[in-house]
């Protein structure tokens, strides 16, 4: 079964940038959709972006469009979420997950992003 490990979180000032990584391991990573979600304190988990490992089709949520980009290396075993123009509203724990038909969704442990001056 595939396993996920996120990294790259930290504290940045408003307007700063961060690049998060989601490393896939432990199995065949073909035919997966890799999603990034985030959860701020007291709020529900929110979809941020996704990419498919087989054709790299990607999309991002309207709330981050124009600021966040999702992409993977070649062949995909790491999925990146590059975040620009961060604001305090982006403060959250960021999680990646792996979805595949007829397979249980796998989640990573999360990485904290704090945007603060």
PDB file of N, CA and C in Angstrom:
ATOM      1  N   UNK A   1       0.853  -1.182   0.000  1.00  0.00           N
ATOM      2  CA  UNK A   1       0.000   0.000   0.000  1.00  0.00           C
ATOM      3  C   UNK A   1       0.892   1.237   0.000  1.00  0.00           C
ATOM      4  N   UNK A   2       0.481   2.229  -0.782  1.00  0.00           N
ATOM      5  CA  UNK A   2       1.283   3.434  -0.858  1.00  0.00           C
ATOM      6  C   UNK A   2       1.266   4.161   0.482  1.00  0.00           C
ATOM      7  N   UNK A   3       2.372   4.817   0.805  1.00  0.00           N
ATOM      8  CA  UNK A   3       2.489   5.636   2.007  1.00  0.00           C
ATOM      9  C   UNK A   3       2.901   7.037   1.596  1.00  0.00           C
ATOM     10  N   UNK A   4       2.498   8.024   2.410  1.00  0.00           N
ATOM     11  CA  UNK A   4       2.742   9.417   2.090  1.00  0.00           C
ATOM     12  C   UNK A   4       3.445  10.103   3.250  1.00  0.00           C
ATOM     13  N   UNK A   5       4.411  10.951   2.929  1.00  0.00           N
ATOM     14  CA  UNK A   5       5.081  11.762   3.935  1.00  0.00           C
ATOM     15  C   UNK A   5       5.161  13.187   3.416  1.00  0.00           C
ATOM     16  N   UNK A   6       4.568  14.132   4.186  1.00  0.00           N
ATOM     17  CA  UNK A   6       4.635  15.544   3.803  1.00  0.00           C
ATOM     18  C   UNK A   6       5.815  16.213   4.491  1.00  0.00           C
ATOM     19  N   UNK A   7       6.335  17.245   3.852  1.00  0.00           N
ATOM     20  CA  UNK A   7       7.372  18.070   4.452  1.00  0.00           C
ATOM     21  C   UNK A   7       7.340  19.452   3.801  1.00  0.00           C
ATOM     22  N   UNK A   8       8.118  20.372   4.385  1.00  0.00           N
ATOM     23  CA  UNK A   8       8.254  21.698   3.788  1.00  0.00           C
ATOM     24  C   UNK A   8       7.488  22.805   4.487  1.00  0.00           C
ATOM     25  N   UNK A   9       6.690  22.452   5.498  1.00  0.00           N
ATOM     26  CA  UNK A   9       5.964  23.484   6.215  1.00  0.00           C
ATOM     27  C   UNK A   9       6.899  24.359   7.037  1.00  0.00           C
ATOM     28  N   UNK A  10       6.343  25.447   7.559  1.00  0.00           N
ATOM     29  CA  UNK A  10       7.124  26.344   8.386  1.00  0.00           C
ATOM     30  C   UNK A  10       6.386  27.644   8.611  1.00  0.00           C
ATOM     31  N   UNK A  11       7.113  28.621   9.115  1.00  0.00           N
ATOM     32  CA  UNK A  11       6.537  29.944   9.382  1.00  0.00           C
ATOM     33  C   UNK A  11       7.099  30.936   8.374  1.00  0.00           C
ATOM     34  N   UNK A  12       6.219  31.680   7.730  1.00  0.00           N
ATOM     35  CA  UNK A  12       6.637  32.695   6.765  1.00  0.00           C
ATOM     36  C   UNK A  12       5.834  33.970   6.994  1.00  0.00           C
ATOM     37  N   UNK A  13       6.377  35.115   6.631  1.00  0.00           N
ATOM     38  CA  UNK A  13       5.619  36.368   6.746  1.00  0.00           C
ATOM     39  C   UNK A  13       4.601  36.472   5.617  1.00  0.00           C
ATOM     40  N   UNK A  14       3.585  37.310   5.789  1.00  0.00           N
ATOM     41  CA  UNK A  14       2.632  37.547   4.695  1.00  0.00           C
ATOM     42  C   UNK A  14       3.357  37.965   3.424  1.00  0.00           C
ATOM     43  N   UNK A  15       2.920  37.404   2.302  1.00  0.00           N
ATOM     44  CA  UNK A  15       3.570  37.663   1.032  1.00  0.00           C
ATOM     45  C   UNK A  15       4.664  36.676   0.685  1.00  0.00           C
ATOM     46  N   UNK A  16       5.015  35.829   1.629  1.00  0.00           N
ATOM     47  CA  UNK A  16       6.088  34.870   1.407  1.00  0.00           C
ATOM     48  C   UNK A  16       5.647  33.650   0.614  1.00  0.00           C
ATOM     49  N   UNK A  17       6.606  32.752   0.388  1.00  0.00           N
ATOM     50  CA  UNK A  17       6.371  31.537  -0.390  1.00  0.00           C
ATOM     51  C   UNK A  17       6.871  30.313   0.371  1.00  0.00           C
ATOM     52  N   UNK A  18       6.255  29.187   0.084  1.00  0.00           N
ATOM     53  CA  UNK A  18       6.702  27.893   0.601  1.00  0.00           C
ATOM     54  C   UNK A  18       6.435  26.834  -0.455  1.00  0.00           C
ATOM     55  N   UNK A  19       7.223  25.775  -0.413  1.00  0.00           N
ATOM     56  CA  UNK A  19       6.974  24.627  -1.274  1.00  0.00           C
ATOM     57  C   UNK A  19       6.842  23.398  -0.392  1.00  0.00           C
ATOM     58  N   UNK A  20       5.683  22.786  -0.430  1.00  0.00           N
ATOM     59  CA  UNK A  20       5.434  21.558   0.304  1.00  0.00           C
ATOM     60  C   UNK A  20       5.701  20.355  -0.595  1.00  0.00           C
ATOM     61  N   UNK A  21       6.161  19.268   0.029  1.00  0.00           N
ATOM     62  CA  UNK A  21       6.419  18.030  -0.692  1.00  0.00           C
ATOM     63  C   UNK A  21       5.584  16.906  -0.106  1.00  0.00           C
ATOM     64  N   UNK A  22       5.112  16.035  -0.972  1.00  0.00           N
ATOM     65  CA  UNK A  22       4.404  14.822  -0.564  1.00  0.00           C
ATOM     66  C   UNK A  22       5.114  13.663  -1.247  1.00  0.00           C
ATOM     67  N   UNK A  23       5.860  12.894  -0.462  1.00  0.00           N
ATOM     68  CA  UNK A  23       6.639  11.791  -1.021  1.00  0.00           C
ATOM     69  C   UNK A  23       5.818  10.516  -0.974  1.00  0.00           C
ATOM     70  N   UNK A  24       5.690   9.862  -2.128  1.00  0.00           N
ATOM     71  CA  UNK A  24       4.936   8.620  -2.252  1.00  0.00           C
ATOM     72  C   UNK A  24       5.910   7.440  -2.204  1.00  0.00           C
ATOM     73  N   UNK A  25       5.572   6.403  -1.452  1.00  0.00           N
ATOM     74  CA  UNK A  25       6.431   5.226  -1.387  1.00  0.00           C
ATOM     75  C   UNK A  25       5.600   4.008  -1.029  1.00  0.00           C
ATOM     76  N   UNK A  26       6.235   2.836  -1.148  1.00  0.00           N
ATOM     77  CA  UNK A  26       5.642   1.611  -0.619  1.00  0.00           C
ATOM     78  C   UNK A  26       4.774   0.844  -1.575  1.00  0.00           C
ATOM     79  N   UNK A  27       4.718   1.237  -2.832  1.00  0.00           N
ATOM     80  CA  UNK A  27       3.888   0.482  -3.760  1.00  0.00           C
ATOM     81  C   UNK A  27       3.850   1.137  -5.120  1.00  0.00           C
ATOM     82  N   UNK A  28       3.032   0.583  -5.976  1.00  0.00           N
ATOM     83  CA  UNK A  28       2.848   1.129  -7.313  1.00  0.00           C
ATOM     84  C   UNK A  28       2.023   2.409  -7.221  1.00  0.00           C
ATOM     85  N   UNK A  29       2.624   3.524  -7.615  1.00  0.00           N
ATOM     86  CA  UNK A  29       1.943   4.812  -7.480  1.00  0.00           C
ATOM     87  C   UNK A  29       1.182   5.205  -8.741  1.00  0.00           C
ATOM     88  N   UNK A  30       1.083   4.291  -9.691  1.00  0.00           N
ATOM     89  CA  UNK A  30       0.306   4.590 -10.887  1.00  0.00           C
ATOM     90  C   UNK A  30      -1.180   4.631 -10.561  1.00  0.00           C
ATOM     91  N   UNK A  31      -1.928   5.360 -11.356  1.00  0.00           N
ATOM     92  CA  UNK A  31      -3.391   5.392 -11.294  1.00  0.00           C
ATOM     93  C   UNK A  31      -3.931   6.006 -10.004  1.00  0.00           C
ATOM     94  N   UNK A  32      -3.172   6.900  -9.404  1.00  0.00           N
ATOM     95  CA  UNK A  32      -3.632   7.598  -8.207  1.00  0.00           C
ATOM     96  C   UNK A  32      -3.961   9.059  -8.527  1.00  0.00           C
ATOM     97  N   UNK A  33      -4.855   9.589  -7.744  1.00  0.00           N
ATOM     98  CA  UNK A  33      -5.047  11.028  -7.658  1.00  0.00           C
ATOM     99  C   UNK A  33      -4.475  11.466  -6.319  1.00  0.00           C
ATOM    100  N   UNK A  34      -3.535  12.403  -6.376  1.00  0.00           N
ATOM    101  CA  UNK A  34      -2.924  12.923  -5.157  1.00  0.00           C
ATOM    102  C   UNK A  34      -3.548  14.296  -4.876  1.00  0.00           C
ATOM    103  N   UNK A  35      -4.114  14.422  -3.703  1.00  0.00           N
ATOM    104  CA  UNK A  35      -4.791  15.658  -3.302  1.00  0.00           C
ATOM    105  C   UNK A  35      -4.031  16.328  -2.174  1.00  0.00           C
ATOM    106  N   UNK A  36      -4.080  17.644  -2.164  1.00  0.00           N
ATOM    107  CA  UNK A  36      -3.669  18.429  -1.004  1.00  0.00           C
ATOM    108  C   UNK A  36      -4.934  19.020  -0.365  1.00  0.00           C
ATOM    109  N   UNK A  37      -5.028  18.868   0.944  1.00  0.00           N
ATOM    110  CA  UNK A  37      -6.072  19.481   1.748  1.00  0.00           C
ATOM    111  C   UNK A  37      -5.403  20.312   2.829  1.00  0.00           C
ATOM    112  N   UNK A  38      -6.181  21.178   3.441  1.00  0.00           N
ATOM    113  CA  UNK A  38      -5.669  21.915   4.592  1.00  0.00           C
ATOM    114  C   UNK A  38      -6.780  22.060   5.625  1.00  0.00           C
ATOM    115  N   UNK A  39      -6.366  22.194   6.873  1.00  0.00           N
ATOM    116  CA  UNK A  39      -7.319  22.372   7.964  1.00  0.00           C
ATOM    117  C   UNK A  39      -6.800  23.413   8.927  1.00  0.00           C
ATOM    118  N   UNK A  40      -7.535  24.501   9.015  1.00  0.00           N
ATOM    119  CA  UNK A  40      -7.197  25.565   9.954  1.00  0.00           C
ATOM    120  C   UNK A  40      -7.890  25.288  11.286  1.00  0.00           C
ATOM    121  N   UNK A  41      -7.373  25.843  12.371  1.00  0.00           N
ATOM    122  CA  UNK A  41      -7.990  25.619  13.685  1.00  0.00           C
ATOM    123  C   UNK A  41      -9.469  26.000  13.689  1.00  0.00           C
ATOM    124  N   UNK A  42     -10.302  25.091  14.157  1.00  0.00           N
ATOM    125  CA  UNK A  42     -11.725  25.361  14.266  1.00  0.00           C
ATOM    126  C   UNK A  42     -12.493  25.305  12.960  1.00  0.00           C
ATOM    127  N   UNK A  43     -11.827  24.896  11.870  1.00  0.00           N
ATOM    128  CA  UNK A  43     -12.489  24.849  10.569  1.00  0.00           C
ATOM    129  C   UNK A  43     -12.452  23.436   9.995  1.00  0.00           C
ATOM    130  N   UNK A  44     -13.328  23.196   9.028  1.00  0.00           N
ATOM    131  CA  UNK A  44     -13.331  21.900   8.364  1.00  0.00           C
ATOM    132  C   UNK A  44     -12.160  21.786   7.400  1.00  0.00           C
ATOM    133  N   UNK A  45     -11.792  20.547   7.127  1.00  0.00           N
ATOM    134  CA  UNK A  45     -10.731  20.308   6.157  1.00  0.00           C
ATOM    135  C   UNK A  45     -11.198  20.794   4.785  1.00  0.00           C
ATOM    136  N   UNK A  46     -10.298  21.460   4.061  1.00  0.00           N
ATOM    137  CA  UNK A  46     -10.627  22.133   2.812  1.00  0.00           C
ATOM    138  C   UNK A  46      -9.747  21.605   1.692  1.00  0.00           C
ATOM    139  N   UNK A  47     -10.341  21.295   0.546  1.00  0.00           N
ATOM    140  CA  UNK A  47      -9.581  20.864  -0.626  1.00  0.00           C
ATOM    141  C   UNK A  47      -8.750  22.042  -1.149  1.00  0.00           C
ATOM    142  N   UNK A  48      -7.499  21.740  -1.545  1.00  0.00           N
ATOM    143  CA  UNK A  48      -6.614  22.776  -2.071  1.00  0.00           C
ATOM    144  C   UNK A  48      -6.239  22.529  -3.526  1.00  0.00           C
ATOM    145  N   UNK A  49      -5.784  21.296  -3.835  1.00  0.00           N
ATOM    146  CA  UNK A  49      -5.308  21.027  -5.193  1.00  0.00           C
ATOM    147  C   UNK A  49      -5.204  19.524  -5.391  1.00  0.00           C
ATOM    148  N   UNK A  50      -5.155  19.102  -6.682  1.00  0.00           N
ATOM    149  CA  UNK A  50      -4.997  17.684  -6.981  1.00  0.00           C
ATOM    150  C   UNK A  50      -4.245  17.500  -8.278  1.00  0.00           C
ATOM    151  N   UNK A  51      -3.663  16.298  -8.425  1.00  0.00           N
ATOM    152  CA  UNK A  51      -2.979  15.921  -9.649  1.00  0.00           C
ATOM    153  C   UNK A  51      -3.069  14.409  -9.787  1.00  0.00           C
ATOM    154  N   UNK A  52      -3.201  13.941 -11.031  1.00  0.00           N
ATOM    155  CA  UNK A  52      -3.227  12.496 -11.257  1.00  0.00           C
ATOM    156  C   UNK A  52      -1.820  12.022 -11.610  1.00  0.00           C
ATOM    157  N   UNK A  53      -1.440  10.849 -11.148  1.00  0.00           N
ATOM    158  CA  UNK A  53      -0.088  10.361 -11.391  1.00  0.00           C
ATOM    159  C   UNK A  53       0.072   9.815 -12.798  1.00  0.00           C
ATOM    160  N   UNK A  54      -1.040   9.482 -13.483  1.00  0.00           N
ATOM    161  CA  UNK A  54      -0.925   8.831 -14.784  1.00  0.00           C
ATOM    162  C   UNK A  54      -0.879   9.833 -15.935  1.00  0.00           C
ATOM    163  N   UNK A  55      -1.581  10.965 -15.846  1.00  0.00           N
ATOM    164  CA  UNK A  55      -1.522  11.930 -16.943  1.00  0.00           C
ATOM    165  C   UNK A  55      -1.256  13.360 -16.468  1.00  0.00           C
ATOM    166  N   UNK A  56      -0.999  13.500 -15.158  1.00  0.00           N
ATOM    167  CA  UNK A  56      -0.623  14.795 -14.579  1.00  0.00           C
ATOM    168  C   UNK A  56      -1.703  15.860 -14.740  1.00  0.00           C
ATOM    169  N   UNK A  57      -2.931  15.452 -14.970  1.00  0.00           N
ATOM    170  CA  UNK A  57      -4.017  16.431 -14.996  1.00  0.00           C
ATOM    171  C   UNK A  57      -4.151  17.015 -13.599  1.00  0.00           C
ATOM    172  N   UNK A  58      -4.230  18.342 -13.521  1.00  0.00           N
ATOM    173  CA  UNK A  58      -4.213  18.986 -12.209  1.00  0.00           C
ATOM    174  C   UNK A  58      -5.255  20.087 -12.128  1.00  0.00           C
ATOM    175  N   UNK A  59      -5.593  20.454 -10.915  1.00  0.00           N
ATOM    176  CA  UNK A  59      -6.487  21.578 -10.673  1.00  0.00           C
ATOM    177  C   UNK A  59      -6.245  22.094  -9.265  1.00  0.00           C
ATOM    178  N   UNK A  60      -6.621  23.353  -9.050  1.00  0.00           N
ATOM    179  CA  UNK A  60      -6.505  23.952  -7.721  1.00  0.00           C
ATOM    180  C   UNK A  60      -7.841  24.591  -7.348  1.00  0.00           C
ATOM    181  N   UNK A  61      -8.068  24.758  -6.068  1.00  0.00           N
ATOM    182  CA  UNK A  61      -9.293  25.382  -5.584  1.00  0.00           C
ATOM    183  C   UNK A  61      -9.322  26.864  -5.971  1.00  0.00           C
ATOM    184  N   UNK A  62     -10.518  27.391  -6.129  1.00  0.00           N
ATOM    185  CA  UNK A  62     -10.659  28.802  -6.490  1.00  0.00           C
ATOM    186  C   UNK A  62     -10.005  29.715  -5.456  1.00  0.00           C
ATOM    187  N   UNK A  63     -10.009  29.289  -4.199  1.00  0.00           N
ATOM    188  CA  UNK A  63      -9.478  30.131  -3.128  1.00  0.00           C
ATOM    189  C   UNK A  63      -7.974  30.338  -3.226  1.00  0.00           C
ATOM    190  N   UNK A  64      -7.283  29.482  -3.969  1.00  0.00           N
ATOM    191  CA  UNK A  64      -5.831  29.596  -4.083  1.00  0.00           C
ATOM    192  C   UNK A  64      -5.373  29.752  -5.527  1.00  0.00           C
ATOM    193  N   UNK A  65      -6.313  29.819  -6.453  1.00  0.00           N
ATOM    194  CA  UNK A  65      -5.962  29.916  -7.865  1.00  0.00           C
ATOM    195  C   UNK A  65      -5.151  31.174  -8.131  1.00  0.00           C
ATOM    196  N   UNK A  66      -4.089  31.001  -8.913  1.00  0.00           N
ATOM    197  CA  UNK A  66      -3.208  32.120  -9.211  1.00  0.00           C
ATOM    198  C   UNK A  66      -2.077  32.283  -8.210  1.00  0.00           C
ATOM    199  N   UNK A  67      -2.174  31.596  -7.070  1.00  0.00           N
ATOM    200  CA  UNK A  67      -1.127  31.663  -6.041  1.00  0.00           C
ATOM    201  C   UNK A  67      -0.457  30.325  -5.794  1.00  0.00           C
ATOM    202  N   UNK A  68      -1.218  29.237  -5.873  1.00  0.00           N
ATOM    203  CA  UNK A  68      -0.694  27.905  -5.590  1.00  0.00           C
ATOM    204  C   UNK A  68      -0.591  27.111  -6.888  1.00  0.00           C
ATOM    205  N   UNK A  69       0.446  26.290  -6.975  1.00  0.00           N
ATOM    206  CA  UNK A  69       0.651  25.416  -8.128  1.00  0.00           C
ATOM    207  C   UNK A  69       0.969  24.011  -7.629  1.00  0.00           C
ATOM    208  N   UNK A  70       0.385  23.004  -8.271  1.00  0.00           N
ATOM    209  CA  UNK A  70       0.682  21.609  -7.924  1.00  0.00           C
ATOM    210  C   UNK A  70       1.374  20.969  -9.113  1.00  0.00           C
ATOM    211  N   UNK A  71       2.422  20.194  -8.840  1.00  0.00           N
ATOM    212  CA  UNK A  71       3.133  19.498  -9.908  1.00  0.00           C
ATOM    213  C   UNK A  71       3.889  18.329  -9.302  1.00  0.00           C
ATOM    214  N   UNK A  72       4.390  17.445 -10.161  1.00  0.00           N
ATOM    215  CA  UNK A  72       5.123  16.287  -9.696  1.00  0.00           C
ATOM    216  C   UNK A  72       6.421  16.134 -10.464  1.00  0.00           C
ATOM    217  N   UNK A  73       7.351  15.347  -9.890  1.00  0.00           N
ATOM    218  CA  UNK A  73       8.586  15.042 -10.606  1.00  0.00           C
ATOM    219  C   UNK A  73       8.291  13.953 -11.638  1.00  0.00           C
ATOM    220  N   UNK A  74       9.342  13.504 -12.352  1.00  0.00           N
ATOM    221  CA  UNK A  74       9.148  12.569 -13.458  1.00  0.00           C
ATOM    222  C   UNK A  74      10.118  11.401 -13.335  1.00  0.00           C
ATOM    223  N   UNK A  75       9.636  10.159 -13.152  1.00  0.00           N
ATOM    224  CA  UNK A  75       8.230   9.811 -12.945  1.00  0.00           C
ATOM    225  C   UNK A  75       7.762  10.275 -11.573  1.00  0.00           C
ATOM    226  N   UNK A  76       6.461  10.414 -11.431  1.00  0.00           N
ATOM    227  CA  UNK A  76       5.940  10.992 -10.201  1.00  0.00           C
ATOM    228  C   UNK A  76       6.157  10.036  -9.036  1.00  0.00           C
ATOM    229  N   UNK A  77       6.984  10.460  -8.086  1.00  0.00           N
ATOM    230  CA  UNK A  77       6.994   9.841  -6.768  1.00  0.00           C
ATOM    231  C   UNK A  77       7.002  10.904  -5.671  1.00  0.00           C
ATOM    232  N   UNK A  78       6.998  12.153  -6.093  1.00  0.00           N
ATOM    233  CA  UNK A  78       6.862  13.279  -5.183  1.00  0.00           C
ATOM    234  C   UNK A  78       5.926  14.291  -5.827  1.00  0.00           C
ATOM    235  N   UNK A  79       4.973  14.777  -5.062  1.00  0.00           N
ATOM    236  CA  UNK A  79       4.052  15.813  -5.513  1.00  0.00           C
ATOM    237  C   UNK A  79       4.323  17.064  -4.700  1.00  0.00           C
ATOM    238  N   UNK A  80       4.456  18.174  -5.402  1.00  0.00           N
ATOM    239  CA  UNK A  80       4.793  19.443  -4.771  1.00  0.00           C
ATOM    240  C   UNK A  80       3.593  20.389  -4.796  1.00  0.00           C
ATOM    241  N   UNK A  81       3.482  21.169  -3.749  1.00  0.00           N
ATOM    242  CA  UNK A  81       2.518  22.262  -3.715  1.00  0.00           C
ATOM    243  C   UNK A  81       3.320  23.538  -3.482  1.00  0.00           C
ATOM    244  N   UNK A  82       3.436  24.341  -4.534  1.00  0.00           N
ATOM    245  CA  UNK A  82       4.183  25.583  -4.420  1.00  0.00           C
ATOM    246  C   UNK A  82       3.201  26.708  -4.122  1.00  0.00           C
ATOM    247  N   UNK A  83       3.465  27.437  -3.061  1.00  0.00           N
ATOM    248  CA  UNK A  83       2.531  28.451  -2.572  1.00  0.00           C
ATOM    249  C   UNK A  83       3.201  29.812  -2.577  1.00  0.00           C
ATOM    250  N   UNK A  84       2.618  30.741  -3.321  1.00  0.00           N
ATOM    251  CA  UNK A  84       3.095  32.118  -3.382  1.00  0.00           C
ATOM    252  C   UNK A  84       2.088  33.065  -2.736  1.00  0.00           C
ATOM    253  N   UNK A  85       2.547  34.266  -2.460  1.00  0.00           N
ATOM    254  CA  UNK A  85       1.677  35.333  -1.938  1.00  0.00           C
ATOM    255  C   UNK A  85       0.833  34.847  -0.767  1.00  0.00           C
ATOM    256  N   UNK A  86       1.492  34.179   0.169  1.00  0.00           N
ATOM    257  CA  UNK A  86       0.773  33.618   1.315  1.00  0.00           C
ATOM    258  C   UNK A  86       0.194  34.724   2.193  1.00  0.00           C
ATOM    259  N   UNK A  87      -0.972  34.453   2.743  1.00  0.00           N
ATOM    260  CA  UNK A  87      -1.591  35.377   3.687  1.00  0.00           C
ATOM    261  C   UNK A  87      -2.018  34.616   4.934  1.00  0.00           C
ATOM    262  N   UNK A  88      -2.461  35.332   5.932  1.00  0.00           N
ATOM    263  CA  UNK A  88      -2.773  34.691   7.217  1.00  0.00           C
ATOM    264  C   UNK A  88      -3.890  33.670   7.068  1.00  0.00           C
ATOM    265  N   UNK A  89      -4.734  33.843   6.065  1.00  0.00           N
ATOM    266  CA  UNK A  89      -5.807  32.882   5.817  1.00  0.00           C
ATOM    267  C   UNK A  89      -5.324  31.538   5.318  1.00  0.00           C
ATOM    268  N   UNK A  90      -4.051  31.461   4.944  1.00  0.00           N
ATOM    269  CA  UNK A  90      -3.480  30.196   4.480  1.00  0.00           C
ATOM    270  C   UNK A  90      -2.894  29.383   5.628  1.00  0.00           C
ATOM    271  N   UNK A  91      -2.889  29.939   6.824  1.00  0.00           N
ATOM    272  CA  UNK A  91      -2.379  29.213   7.981  1.00  0.00           C
ATOM    273  C   UNK A  91      -3.231  27.987   8.257  1.00  0.00           C
ATOM    274  N   UNK A  92      -2.595  26.820   8.279  1.00  0.00           N
ATOM    275  CA  UNK A  92      -3.319  25.560   8.451  1.00  0.00           C
ATOM    276  C   UNK A  92      -2.318  24.418   8.505  1.00  0.00           C
ATOM    277  N   UNK A  93      -2.824  23.245   8.868  1.00  0.00           N
ATOM    278  CA  UNK A  93      -2.065  22.015   8.657  1.00  0.00           C
ATOM    279  C   UNK A  93      -2.421  21.514   7.261  1.00  0.00           C
ATOM    280  N   UNK A  94      -1.407  21.245   6.470  1.00  0.00           N
ATOM    281  CA  UNK A  94      -1.593  20.800   5.096  1.00  0.00           C
ATOM    282  C   UNK A  94      -1.338  19.289   5.027  1.00  0.00           C
ATOM    283  N   UNK A  95      -2.284  18.596   4.411  1.00  0.00           N
ATOM    284  CA  UNK A  95      -2.214  17.145   4.268  1.00  0.00           C
ATOM    285  C   UNK A  95      -2.258  16.766   2.794  1.00  0.00           C
ATOM    286  N   UNK A  96      -1.551  15.701   2.438  1.00  0.00           N
ATOM    287  CA  UNK A  96      -1.775  15.104   1.129  1.00  0.00           C
ATOM    288  C   UNK A  96      -2.439  13.746   1.335  1.00  0.00           C
ATOM    289  N   UNK A  97      -3.203  13.333   0.328  1.00  0.00           N
ATOM    290  CA  UNK A  97      -3.758  11.993   0.347  1.00  0.00           C
ATOM    291  C   UNK A  97      -3.678  11.389  -1.029  1.00  0.00           C
ATOM    292  N   UNK A  98      -3.812  10.066  -1.077  1.00  0.00           N
ATOM    293  CA  UNK A  98      -3.754   9.311  -2.326  1.00  0.00           C
ATOM    294  C   UNK A  98      -5.061   8.561  -2.487  1.00  0.00           C
ATOM    295  N   UNK A  99      -5.738   8.822  -3.610  1.00  0.00           N
ATOM    296  CA  UNK A  99      -7.018   8.184  -3.898  1.00  0.00           C
ATOM    297  C   UNK A  99      -6.896   7.318  -5.149  1.00  0.00           C
ATOM    298  N   UNK A 100      -7.547   6.157  -5.075  1.00  0.00           N
ATOM    299  CA  UNK A 100      -7.554   5.238  -6.222  1.00  0.00           C
ATOM    300  C   UNK A 100      -8.808   4.409  -6.129  1.00  0.00           C
ATOM    301  N   UNK A 101      -9.408   4.123  -7.279  1.00  0.00           N
ATOM    302  CA  UNK A 101     -10.640   3.346  -7.305  1.00  0.00           C
ATOM    303  C   UNK A 101     -10.460   2.013  -6.594  1.00  0.00           C
ATOM    304  N   UNK A 102     -11.448   1.629  -5.809  1.00  0.00           N
ATOM    305  CA  UNK A 102     -11.488   0.341  -5.114  1.00  0.00           C
ATOM    306  C   UNK A 102     -10.347   0.182  -4.114  1.00  0.00           C
ATOM    307  N   UNK A 103      -9.772   1.294  -3.684  1.00  0.00           N
ATOM    308  CA  UNK A 103      -8.661   1.263  -2.733  1.00  0.00           C
ATOM    309  C   UNK A 103      -8.919   2.296  -1.642  1.00  0.00           C
ATOM    310  N   UNK A 104      -8.590   1.945  -0.405  1.00  0.00           N
ATOM    311  CA  UNK A 104      -8.778   2.883   0.691  1.00  0.00           C
ATOM    312  C   UNK A 104      -7.886   4.106   0.510  1.00  0.00           C
ATOM    313  N   UNK A 105      -8.434   5.272   0.794  1.00  0.00           N
ATOM    314  CA  UNK A 105      -7.666   6.512   0.702  1.00  0.00           C
ATOM    315  C   UNK A 105      -6.604   6.535   1.792  1.00  0.00           C
ATOM    316  N   UNK A 106      -5.410   6.936   1.415  1.00  0.00           N
ATOM    317  CA  UNK A 106      -4.283   7.014   2.343  1.00  0.00           C
ATOM    318  C   UNK A 106      -3.954   8.483   2.595  1.00  0.00           C
ATOM    319  N   UNK A 107      -3.728   8.831   3.861  1.00  0.00           N
ATOM    320  CA  UNK A 107      -3.395  10.207   4.239  1.00  0.00           C
ATOM    321  C   UNK A 107      -1.992  10.270   4.817  1.00  0.00           C
ATOM    322  N   UNK A 108      -1.342  11.390   4.608  1.00  0.00           N
ATOM    323  CA  UNK A 108      -0.094  11.662   5.286  1.00  0.00           C
ATOM    324  C   UNK A 108      -0.359  12.240   6.663  1.00  0.00           C
ATOM    325  N   UNK A 109       0.724  12.561   7.382  1.00  0.00           N
ATOM    326  CA  UNK A 109       0.598  13.010   8.764  1.00  0.00           C
ATOM    327  C   UNK A 109       0.363  14.515   8.876  1.00  0.00           C
ATOM    328  N   UNK A 110       0.592  15.243   7.789  1.00  0.00           N
ATOM    329  CA  UNK A 110       0.366  16.685   7.773  1.00  0.00           C
ATOM    330  C   UNK A 110       1.627  17.478   8.064  1.00  0.00           C
ATOM    331  N   UNK A 111       1.635  18.713   7.582  1.00  0.00           N
ATOM    332  CA  UNK A 111       2.734  19.632   7.852  1.00  0.00           C
ATOM    333  C   UNK A 111       2.144  21.014   8.119  1.00  0.00           C
ATOM    334  N   UNK A 112       2.643  21.681   9.156  1.00  0.00           N
ATOM    335  CA  UNK A 112       2.076  22.953   9.600  1.00  0.00           C
ATOM    336  C   UNK A 112       2.634  24.108   8.768  1.00  0.00           C
ATOM    337  N   UNK A 113       1.733  24.943   8.287  1.00  0.00           N
ATOM    338  CA  UNK A 113       2.102  26.186   7.620  1.00  0.00           C
ATOM    339  C   UNK A 113       1.528  27.334   8.435  1.00  0.00           C
ATOM    340  N   UNK A 114       2.393  28.246   8.859  1.00  0.00           N
ATOM    341  CA  UNK A 114       1.965  29.408   9.632  1.00  0.00           C
ATOM    342  C   UNK A 114       2.417  30.672   8.909  1.00  0.00           C
ATOM    343  N   UNK A 115       1.454  31.529   8.604  1.00  0.00           N
ATOM    344  CA  UNK A 115       1.756  32.799   7.947  1.00  0.00           C
ATOM    345  C   UNK A 115       1.533  33.895   8.972  1.00  0.00           C
ATOM    346  N   UNK A 116       2.631  34.523   9.379  1.00  0.00           N
ATOM    347  CA  UNK A 116       2.558  35.503  10.461  1.00  0.00           C
ATOM    348  C   UNK A 116       3.731  36.450  10.359  1.00  0.00           C
ATOM    349  N   UNK A 117       3.466  37.718  10.698  1.00  0.00           N
ATOM    350  CA  UNK A 117       4.553  38.688  10.738  1.00  0.00           C
ATOM    351  C   UNK A 117       5.192  38.708  12.119  1.00  0.00           C
TER     352      UNK A 117
END
